[in-house]
Protein backbone atom coordinates (compact mmCIF):
# COMPACT_ATOMS: atom_id res chain seq x y z
CA UNK A 1 0.00 0.00 0.00
CA UNK A 2 1.36 3.41 -0.98
CA UNK A 3 1.75 5.45 2.20
CA UNK A 4 0.14 8.73 1.25
CA UNK A 5 0.03 9.77 4.90
CA UNK A 6 3.81 9.34 5.21
CA UNK A 7 4.56 11.40 2.10
CA UNK A 8 2.33 14.21 3.35
CA UNK A 9 4.04 14.03 6.74
CA UNK A 10 7.46 14.23 5.08
CA UNK A 11 6.41 17.38 3.25
CA UNK A 12 5.11 19.06 6.41
CA UNK A 13 8.12 18.12 8.51
CA UNK A 14 10.66 19.39 6.01
CA UNK A 15 9.02 22.51 4.59
CA UNK A 16 11.35 25.53 4.65
CA UNK A 17 10.94 29.23 3.96
CA UNK A 18 13.26 28.90 0.98
CA UNK A 19 10.90 26.38 -0.66
CA UNK A 20 7.88 28.68 -0.46
CA UNK A 21 7.41 31.29 -3.20
CA UNK A 22 7.37 34.92 -2.04
CA UNK A 23 3.83 35.34 -3.37
CA UNK A 24 2.65 32.49 -1.15
CA UNK A 25 4.32 33.99 1.92
CA UNK A 26 2.67 37.32 1.10
CA UNK A 27 -0.68 35.58 0.81
CA UNK A 28 -0.09 33.89 4.17
CA UNK A 29 0.34 37.35 5.71
CA UNK A 30 -2.93 38.47 4.11
CA UNK A 31 -4.73 35.46 5.55
CA UNK A 32 -3.18 36.02 8.99
CA UNK A 33 -4.44 39.61 9.20
CA UNK A 34 -7.84 38.53 7.91
CA UNK A 35 -7.99 35.83 10.61
CA UNK A 36 -7.04 38.31 13.33
CA UNK A 37 -10.11 40.40 12.53
CA UNK A 38 -12.31 37.31 12.77
CA UNK A 39 -10.97 36.21 16.13
CA UNK A 40 -11.54 39.67 17.64
CA UNK A 41 -15.07 39.60 16.18
CA UNK A 42 -15.83 36.61 18.40
CA UNK A 43 -15.90 38.77 21.51
CA UNK A 44 -19.30 38.62 23.23
CA UNK A 45 -20.68 35.59 21.37
CA UNK A 46 -22.12 33.17 23.92
CA UNK A 47 -20.46 29.93 22.73
CA UNK A 48 -17.13 31.70 22.38
CA UNK A 49 -17.30 33.25 25.84
CA UNK A 50 -18.20 29.87 27.37
CA UNK A 51 -15.24 28.13 25.71
CA UNK A 52 -12.91 31.02 26.62
CA UNK A 53 -14.12 30.85 30.23
CA UNK A 54 -13.56 27.10 30.26
CA UNK A 55 -10.04 27.57 28.89
CA UNK A 56 -9.30 30.20 31.52
CA UNK A 57 -10.66 28.03 34.35
CA UNK A 58 -8.65 25.01 33.30
CA UNK A 59 -5.48 27.02 33.80
CA UNK A 60 -2.61 27.25 34.27
CA UNK A 61 -3.17 30.63 35.90
CA UNK A 62 -0.70 33.29 34.89
CA UNK A 63 -0.76 37.05 35.30
CA UNK A 64 0.55 39.62 32.85
CA UNK A 65 2.28 41.19 35.85
CA UNK A 66 4.55 38.18 36.17
CA UNK A 67 8.01 38.99 34.90
CA UNK A 68 8.51 35.69 33.08
CA UNK A 69 5.77 34.51 30.75
CA UNK A 70 8.01 32.16 28.78
CA UNK A 71 6.09 29.12 27.62
CA UNK A 72 2.74 30.89 27.64
CA UNK A 73 0.37 31.92 24.90
CA UNK A 74 -2.33 34.56 24.57
CA UNK A 75 -6.08 34.08 24.80
CA UNK A 76 -6.96 37.06 22.64
CA UNK A 77 -10.46 37.76 23.93
CA UNK A 78 -9.58 37.68 27.63
CA UNK A 79 -6.08 39.08 27.03
CA UNK A 80 -4.75 36.56 29.49
CA UNK A 81 -1.73 34.27 29.23
CA UNK A 82 -2.36 30.54 29.28
CA UNK A 83 -0.94 27.30 27.95
CA UNK A 84 -0.67 27.01 24.17
CA UNK A 85 -3.23 24.17 24.24
CA UNK A 86 -5.92 26.25 25.93
CA UNK A 87 -5.09 29.45 24.04
CA UNK A 88 -5.37 27.63 20.71
CA UNK A 89 -8.71 26.18 21.81
CA UNK A 90 -10.18 29.55 22.83
CA UNK A 91 -8.87 31.47 19.83
CA UNK A 92 -10.06 28.82 17.37
CA UNK A 93 -13.57 29.00 18.81
CA UNK A 94 -13.58 32.79 18.60
CA UNK A 95 -12.47 33.05 14.99
CA UNK A 96 -15.27 30.94 13.50
CA UNK A 97 -18.40 32.55 14.94
CA UNK A 98 -18.63 35.73 12.82
CA UNK A 99 -18.61 33.62 9.62
CA UNK A 100 -15.98 35.87 8.06
CA UNK A 101 -12.93 33.60 8.24
CA UNK A 102 -11.39 32.30 5.03
CA UNK A 103 -12.40 29.23 3.01
CA UNK A 104 -10.78 26.99 0.42
CA UNK A 105 -13.32 26.16 -2.26
CA UNK A 106 -12.11 22.76 -3.42
CA UNK A 107 -11.88 21.28 0.08
CA UNK A 108 -14.77 23.28 1.59
CA UNK A 109 -12.42 23.85 4.51
CA UNK A 110 -11.84 26.96 6.64
CA UNK A 111 -8.07 26.78 7.25
CA UNK A 112 -7.36 30.01 9.14
CA UNK A 113 -9.66 29.30 12.07
CA UNK A 114 -7.65 26.13 12.85
CA UNK A 115 -4.15 26.90 11.60
CA UNK A 116 -3.50 30.37 12.98
CA UNK A 117 -4.73 29.78 16.56
CA UNK A 118 -2.40 26.78 16.78
CA UNK A 119 0.45 28.61 15.05
CA UNK A 120 0.21 31.76 17.16
CA UNK A 121 -0.12 29.93 20.47
CA UNK A 122 2.88 27.70 19.87
CA UNK A 123 5.03 30.42 18.30
CA UNK A 124 4.43 32.59 21.37
CA UNK A 125 5.11 29.75 23.81
CA UNK A 126 8.21 28.54 21.98
CA UNK A 127 9.62 31.98 21.18
CA UNK A 128 9.57 31.39 17.43
CA UNK A 129 10.04 34.06 14.75
CA UNK A 130 7.43 35.49 12.43
CA UNK A 131 8.94 33.65 9.49
CA UNK A 132 8.76 30.36 11.37
CA UNK A 133 5.11 31.02 12.18
CA UNK A 134 4.29 31.63 8.52
CA UNK A 135 6.14 28.53 7.33
CA UNK A 136 4.24 26.44 9.88
CA UNK A 137 0.98 28.02 8.74
CA UNK A 138 1.73 27.18 5.10
CA UNK A 139 2.38 23.57 6.15
CA UNK A 140 -0.97 23.50 7.96
CA UNK A 141 -2.86 24.96 5.01
CA UNK A 142 -1.29 22.57 2.49
CA UNK A 143 -2.01 19.51 4.63
CA UNK A 144 -5.50 20.49 5.78
CA UNK A 145 -6.71 21.51 2.34
CA UNK A 146 -5.47 18.30 0.74
CA UNK A 147 -7.09 16.18 3.44
CA UNK A 148 -10.36 18.03 2.83
CA UNK A 149 -10.12 17.44 -0.92
CA UNK A 150 -9.24 13.79 -0.33
CA UNK A 151 -12.31 13.19 1.84
CA UNK A 152 -14.61 14.39 -0.96
CA UNK A 153 -18.18 15.57 -1.30
CA UNK A 154 -19.74 12.60 0.48
CA UNK A 155 -17.81 13.50 3.63
CA UNK A 156 -19.12 17.06 3.71
CA UNK A 157 -22.73 15.89 3.53
CA UNK A 158 -22.52 14.71 7.16
CA UNK A 159 -19.20 15.96 8.53
CA UNK A 160 -17.98 19.52 9.04
CA UNK A 161 -14.67 19.30 7.19
CA UNK A 162 -13.14 22.15 9.18
CA UNK A 163 -13.52 20.06 12.32
CA UNK A 164 -12.26 16.84 10.74
CA UNK A 165 -9.47 17.84 8.35
CA UNK A 166 -8.67 20.60 10.81
CA UNK A 167 -7.07 18.22 13.29
CA UNK A 168 -4.50 17.23 10.65
CA UNK A 169 -3.92 20.87 9.69
CA UNK A 170 -3.22 21.84 13.30
CA UNK A 171 -0.93 18.85 13.80
CA UNK A 172 1.09 19.80 10.72
CA UNK A 173 1.32 23.43 11.87
CA UNK A 174 2.46 22.68 15.38
CA UNK A 175 4.63 19.79 14.29
CA UNK A 176 6.55 22.14 12.02
CA UNK A 177 7.07 24.64 14.88
CA UNK A 178 8.30 21.78 17.08
CA UNK A 179 10.70 20.66 14.31
CA UNK A 180 9.30 17.13 14.32
CA UNK A 181 11.01 14.53 12.18
CA UNK A 182 9.06 12.88 9.37
CA UNK A 183 8.43 9.83 11.57
CA UNK A 184 7.19 12.01 14.44
CA UNK A 185 4.98 14.04 12.10
CA UNK A 186 3.38 10.84 10.83
CA UNK A 187 2.65 9.80 14.41
CA UNK A 188 1.14 13.24 15.01
CA UNK A 189 -1.09 12.75 11.97
CA UNK A 190 -2.19 9.37 13.32
CA UNK A 191 -3.18 10.84 16.67
CA UNK A 192 -4.87 13.84 15.06
CA UNK A 193 -6.84 11.75 12.58
CA UNK A 194 -8.20 9.41 15.22
CA UNK A 195 -9.64 12.47 17.00
CA UNK A 196 -11.27 14.02 13.92
CA UNK A 197 -14.86 15.06 14.60
CA UNK A 198 -17.64 17.47 13.68
CA UNK A 199 -21.22 16.75 12.54
CA UNK A 200 -23.69 19.05 10.79
CA UNK A 201 -26.62 17.93 12.95
CA UNK A 202 -26.16 21.01 15.17
CA UNK A 203 -27.66 23.23 12.47
CA UNK A 204 -31.14 21.76 12.98
CA UNK A 205 -31.18 23.02 16.57
CA UNK A 206 -29.16 26.23 16.25
CA UNK A 207 -26.72 24.57 18.67
CA UNK A 208 -23.28 25.96 19.53
CA UNK A 209 -21.30 23.00 18.18
CA UNK A 210 -19.61 24.81 15.28
CA UNK A 211 -17.36 26.66 17.72
CA UNK A 212 -16.60 23.41 19.52
CA UNK A 213 -15.55 21.86 16.20
CA UNK A 214 -12.84 24.44 15.63
CA UNK A 215 -11.77 24.60 19.27
CA UNK A 216 -11.38 20.84 19.40
CA UNK A 217 -9.59 20.57 16.05
CA UNK A 218 -6.96 23.17 16.93
CA UNK A 219 -6.37 21.79 20.41
CA UNK A 220 -6.40 18.12 19.37
CA UNK A 221 -3.97 18.71 16.52
CA UNK A 222 -1.67 20.67 18.81
CA UNK A 223 -1.78 17.92 21.44
CA UNK A 224 -1.05 15.31 18.80
CA UNK A 225 2.12 17.10 17.74
CA UNK A 226 3.38 17.55 21.29
CA UNK A 227 2.62 13.89 22.09
CA UNK A 228 4.52 12.78 19.01
CA UNK A 229 7.52 14.84 20.10
CA UNK A 230 7.44 12.92 23.40
CA UNK A 231 7.39 9.53 21.67
CA UNK A 232 3.63 8.83 21.50
CA UNK A 233 2.79 6.77 18.41
CA UNK A 234 -0.13 7.02 15.99
CA UNK A 235 -1.53 5.05 13.07
CA UNK A 236 0.78 5.00 10.05
CA UNK A 237 -2.01 4.99 7.45
CA UNK A 238 -4.55 7.14 9.27
CA UNK A 239 -5.91 8.71 6.10
CA UNK A 240 -6.07 5.93 3.53
CA UNK A 241 -5.89 2.80 5.71
CA UNK A 242 -8.64 0.14 5.67
CA UNK A 243 -9.96 1.46 8.99
CA UNK A 244 -8.73 5.01 8.60
CA UNK A 245 -10.38 8.37 8.10
CA UNK A 246 -11.67 7.76 4.59
CA UNK A 247 -13.03 4.32 5.41
CA UNK A 248 -15.14 5.73 8.20
CA UNK A 249 -16.06 9.15 6.84
CA UNK A 250 -16.25 9.05 3.03
CA UNK A 251 -17.57 7.05 0.10
CA UNK A 252 -15.71 8.95 -2.63
CA UNK A 253 -12.26 9.56 -1.12
CA UNK A 254 -9.43 9.98 -3.62
CA UNK A 255 -5.95 9.36 -2.10
CA UNK A 256 -4.22 10.95 -5.10
CA UNK A 257 -5.53 14.32 -3.95
CA UNK A 258 -3.39 14.09 -0.81
CA UNK A 259 -0.24 14.60 -2.86
CA UNK A 260 -1.63 16.68 -5.74
CA UNK A 261 1.16 19.01 -6.83
CA UNK A 262 2.72 18.89 -3.39
CA UNK A 263 5.50 21.49 -3.23
CA UNK A 264 4.54 22.93 -6.63
CA UNK A 265 0.83 23.75 -6.38
CA UNK A 266 0.29 25.98 -3.35
CA UNK A 267 -3.24 25.40 -2.12
CA UNK A 268 -2.92 28.28 0.35
CA UNK A 269 -2.86 30.69 -2.60
CA UNK A 270 -6.23 29.28 -3.74
CA UNK A 271 -7.94 30.24 -0.48
CA UNK A 272 -10.78 32.77 -0.58
CA UNK A 273 -11.65 35.59 1.79
CA UNK A 274 -15.22 35.84 3.04
CA UNK A 275 -16.61 39.25 2.26
CA UNK A 276 -20.13 38.54 3.55
CA UNK A 277 -20.76 37.56 7.20
CA UNK A 278 -22.61 34.35 6.35
CA UNK A 279 -22.06 30.75 5.32
CA UNK A 280 -19.91 30.66 2.20
CA UNK A 281 -22.56 28.61 0.38
CA UNK A 282 -24.75 31.74 0.33
CA UNK A 283 -22.11 34.06 -1.15
CA UNK A 284 -22.33 33.20 -4.86
CA UNK A 285 -26.10 33.74 -4.93
CA UNK A 286 -25.82 36.89 -2.82
CA UNK A 287 -23.28 38.37 -5.23
CA UNK A 288 -25.44 37.43 -8.21
CA UNK A 289 -28.47 39.09 -6.59
CA UNK A 290 -26.51 42.24 -5.79
CA UNK A 291 -25.32 42.30 -9.39
CA UNK A 292 -28.93 42.26 -10.65
CA UNK A 293 -30.09 44.90 -8.20
CA UNK A 294 -27.24 47.27 -9.05
CA UNK A 295 -27.51 46.73 -12.80
CA UNK A 296 -31.25 47.43 -12.87
CA UNK A 297 -31.38 49.87 -9.93
CA UNK A 298 -33.88 47.71 -8.07
CA UNK A 299 -35.35 48.11 -4.58
CA UNK A 300 -36.31 45.20 -2.36
CA UNK A 301 -39.95 46.15 -2.81
CA UNK A 302 -39.61 45.43 -6.55
CA UNK A 303 -38.96 41.72 -5.87
CA UNK A 304 -41.76 39.18 -5.89
CA UNK A 305 -39.59 36.09 -5.37
CA UNK A 306 -36.06 34.76 -5.93
CA UNK A 307 -34.71 31.47 -7.19
CA UNK A 308 -31.13 30.66 -6.17
CA UNK A 309 -29.58 28.11 -8.54
CA UNK A 310 -27.15 26.16 -6.38
CA UNK A 311 -24.97 23.07 -5.97
CA UNK A 312 -26.07 20.09 -3.88
CA UNK A 313 -23.70 20.98 -1.03
CA UNK A 314 -25.60 24.22 -0.49
CA UNK A 315 -28.89 22.36 -0.28
CA UNK A 316 -27.40 19.79 2.13
CA UNK A 317 -26.24 22.48 4.56
CA UNK A 318 -28.60 25.42 4.05
CA UNK A 319 -31.68 23.32 3.49
CA UNK A 320 -31.74 22.46 7.20
CA UNK A 321 -32.52 26.07 8.17
CA UNK A 322 -36.11 27.14 7.46
CA UNK A 323 -36.93 29.64 10.22
CA UNK A 324 -33.66 30.67 11.92
CA UNK A 325 -33.94 31.17 15.66
CA UNK A 326 -30.57 32.82 16.25
CA UNK A 327 -28.25 35.28 14.55
CA UNK A 328 -25.74 32.52 13.84
CA UNK A 329 -28.37 30.17 12.40
CA UNK A 330 -29.66 32.99 10.17
CA UNK A 331 -26.30 32.99 8.39
CA UNK A 332 -27.14 29.49 7.15
CA UNK A 333 -30.51 30.53 5.72
CA UNK A 334 -30.33 31.33 2.01
CA UNK A 335 -33.63 33.20 2.25
CA UNK A 336 -32.45 35.39 5.12
CA UNK A 337 -29.14 36.16 3.42
CA UNK A 338 -30.72 37.14 0.11
CA UNK A 339 -33.43 39.17 1.83
CA UNK A 340 -30.82 41.11 3.81
CA UNK A 341 -28.80 41.65 0.62
CA UNK A 342 -31.91 42.99 -1.14
CA UNK A 343 -32.76 45.43 1.64
CA UNK A 344 -29.31 46.57 2.76
CA UNK A 345 -26.92 45.78 -0.14
CA UNK A 346 -24.32 44.75 2.45
CA UNK A 347 -24.08 41.60 4.54
CA UNK A 348 -22.10 42.64 7.59
CA UNK A 349 -22.37 41.60 11.21
CA UNK A 350 -24.69 44.48 12.06
CA UNK A 351 -27.18 43.60 9.34
CA UNK A 352 -27.56 40.07 10.69
CA UNK A 353 -27.56 41.00 14.37
CA UNK A 354 -30.12 43.79 14.00
CA UNK A 355 -32.40 42.73 11.18
CA UNK A 356 -32.35 38.95 10.58
CA UNK A 357 -35.83 38.50 12.06
CA UNK A 358 -37.47 41.75 10.89
CA UNK A 359 -40.93 41.24 9.42
CA UNK A 360 -39.86 42.47 5.98
CA UNK A 361 -36.81 40.20 5.96
CA UNK A 362 -38.83 37.16 6.98
CA UNK A 363 -41.46 37.96 4.37
CA UNK A 364 -38.94 38.00 1.53
CA UNK A 365 -36.98 35.11 3.07
CA UNK A 366 -40.02 32.87 2.65
CA UNK A 367 -40.16 33.73 -1.06
CA UNK A 368 -36.63 32.48 -1.75
CA UNK A 369 -36.17 29.00 -3.20
CA UNK A 370 -33.01 26.98 -3.76
CA UNK A 371 -32.97 24.93 -6.96
CA UNK A 372 -30.29 22.41 -7.91
CA UNK A 373 -28.52 23.56 -11.08
CA UNK A 374 -26.50 21.07 -13.13
CA UNK A 375 -23.85 23.55 -14.25
CA UNK A 376 -23.33 24.95 -10.76
CA UNK A 377 -23.28 21.48 -9.20
CA UNK A 378 -20.78 20.06 -11.69
CA UNK A 379 -18.42 22.99 -11.20
CA UNK A 380 -18.52 22.64 -7.39
CA UNK A 381 -16.39 22.51 -5.29
CA UNK A 382 -13.54 23.77 -7.48
CA UNK A 383 -15.69 26.70 -8.65
CA UNK A 384 -18.57 28.28 -6.74
CA UNK A 385 -20.76 29.80 -9.45
CA UNK A 386 -23.56 32.12 -8.39
CA UNK A 387 -26.80 32.16 -10.39
CA UNK A 388 -30.15 33.71 -9.48
CA UNK A 389 -33.48 34.40 -11.11
CA UNK A 390 -35.19 37.48 -9.71
CA UNK A 391 -38.93 37.63 -10.37
CA UNK A 392 -40.29 41.18 -10.11
CA UNK A 393 -43.69 42.50 -9.17
CA UNK A 394 -44.04 43.93 -12.69
CA UNK A 395 -43.83 40.45 -14.19
CA UNK A 396 -40.22 40.54 -15.41
CA UNK A 397 -37.65 37.85 -14.62
CA UNK A 398 -34.04 39.06 -14.40
CA UNK A 399 -31.08 36.71 -14.22
CA UNK A 400 -27.74 37.26 -12.53
CA UNK A 401 -24.54 35.26 -12.70
CA UNK A 402 -21.20 35.53 -10.88
CA UNK A 403 -18.36 33.13 -11.74
CA UNK A 404 -16.02 34.29 -8.97
CA UNK A 405 -17.66 35.56 -5.80
CA UNK A 406 -16.07 38.51 -4.02
CA UNK A 407 -13.05 37.23 -2.10
CA UNK A 408 -12.07 34.41 -4.48
CA UNK A 409 -8.45 34.52 -5.74
CA UNK A 410 -9.61 35.99 -9.06
CA UNK A 411 -11.74 38.58 -7.28
CA UNK A 412 -9.71 38.99 -4.14
CA UNK A 413 -9.48 41.59 -1.39
CA UNK A 414 -6.66 44.12 -1.40
CA UNK A 415 -4.61 44.72 1.74
CA UNK A 416 -6.50 47.96 2.47
CA UNK A 417 -9.76 46.02 2.14
CA UNK A 418 -8.47 43.30 4.47
CA UNK A 419 -7.43 45.93 7.02
CA UNK A 420 -10.78 47.74 6.74
CA UNK A 421 -12.65 44.46 7.21
CA UNK A 422 -10.65 43.64 10.36
CA UNK A 423 -11.31 47.11 11.74
CA UNK A 424 -15.07 46.72 11.11
CA UNK A 425 -15.14 43.38 12.87
CA UNK A 426 -13.39 44.75 15.94
CA UNK A 427 -15.64 47.79 16.06
CA UNK A 428 -18.72 45.59 15.96
CA UNK A 429 -17.62 43.28 18.78
CA UNK A 430 -15.78 45.83 20.91
CA UNK A 431 -13.02 43.26 21.27
CA UNK A 432 -10.30 45.86 20.66
CA UNK A 433 -10.14 49.60 20.16
CA UNK A 434 -9.26 51.22 16.86
CA UNK A 435 -5.82 52.15 18.20
CA UNK A 436 -5.19 48.61 19.43
CA UNK A 437 -6.26 47.11 16.13
CA UNK A 438 -4.15 49.54 14.14
CA UNK A 439 -1.06 48.66 16.15
CA UNK A 440 -1.66 44.91 16.06
CA UNK A 441 -2.45 44.84 12.34
CA UNK A 442 0.64 46.91 11.55
CA UNK A 443 2.73 44.38 13.48
CA UNK A 444 1.13 41.49 11.62
CA UNK A 445 1.76 43.09 8.22
CA UNK A 446 5.46 43.11 9.18
CA UNK A 447 5.55 39.79 11.00
CA UNK A 448 8.37 38.39 8.87
CA UNK A 449 10.75 40.89 10.45
CA UNK A 450 9.77 39.77 13.96
CA UNK A 451 12.48 37.65 15.61
CA UNK A 452 10.30 36.47 18.50
CA UNK A 453 6.50 36.48 18.51
CA UNK A 454 5.03 38.29 21.50
CA UNK A 455 1.50 39.02 22.62
CA UNK A 456 -0.62 41.04 20.20
CA UNK A 457 -2.90 42.84 22.67
CA UNK A 458 -2.13 44.46 26.00
CA UNK A 459 -4.23 43.48 29.05
CA UNK A 460 -6.96 45.86 30.08
CA UNK A 461 -7.05 47.15 33.63
CA UNK A 462 -10.67 46.11 34.21
CA UNK A 463 -10.14 42.51 33.17
CA UNK A 464 -9.05 39.91 35.75
CA UNK A 465 -5.48 38.76 35.93
């Protein structure tokens, strides 16, 4: 049996800055700043605060006033030092709640929310440089994305790929920072894979599980790498083995995708930013609707009903949400998203928090239908095409189409747009002031010149130490 797991582990263990193109390192910086905005946006969200409180209670208990914080990492929302395990857990939960963290189309995987919490926590605890953090992050992206692609469309129908492939991504990230050998990295993969978890059932109940998925994946992958460093062994064929990840979680897994262009094709550079604060499956249709409204100067009152022409994955996930009962659940309702887009022409955190259950929004929401479209479905997941039919009160039917939603590599965000997005997210949550965000973002844009990663935010006087 070809050991795909071992070859992937060899790549992650031996990746160097010199092997990574400058454009990919630049993109990694973009994704890091984008992630930072998302993690600060998690401030105040109930599931995030509960997980952060749990992480703080589990200790160890440090104070910023202590002179030596070596070996500690930063829980960004509480601004408290903790162990890298607990900091990665808390920060991973926080960065996935606003639904504005990045996504890789082909794997349907959100890499940043797993990779960067693990990378930052361990880089801080180990005293690593900014360049070492970015190299580790690239390793995590390349591994996690390929595992997501390998597991296929059948996996995503039941499993939340960010929670499952995420354990491997975190293990690769932390393993690289720990300088694991190839053999140790493979053991880390084995331990990470056996802990992979995350089911979509939570959407039916508007449960908090999505934040647990990311918290667990980051922490479990980190633990797996540290255990491997200490001599703990894991399965050698965890991905493709007869009782491995694919055997239990997929019916269309393709092992060749684990090594696709490894070291030549940089999957990190294919990752998309999320411009709208909702599930990525809603973005193509939202962009297509906005295109129609702007082209024909429409108002929401002009719309009788909307048909969103979608891929099956969108129906599998979004079809569970009929009448959203929470802000977070509303982001998985195609009708709510398109209604908000029609009324406000912008899908930010404020629009969802303030208006998702307004009478006008609910009225239009109930006149939105998702229809499986062959072209869109066949292109997915490599391409996320947006197509809508907008039926007007005057009897006309207008069609919109977007081949690359806002944020995709071919329609990407500039660095000023990334910065502005992060500032908006912080302003909404109150997780950091404008001055604090400006300083932290400036440091992150220049992270490659940092010789030793420190804490990004200073403690506030009113918060406990």
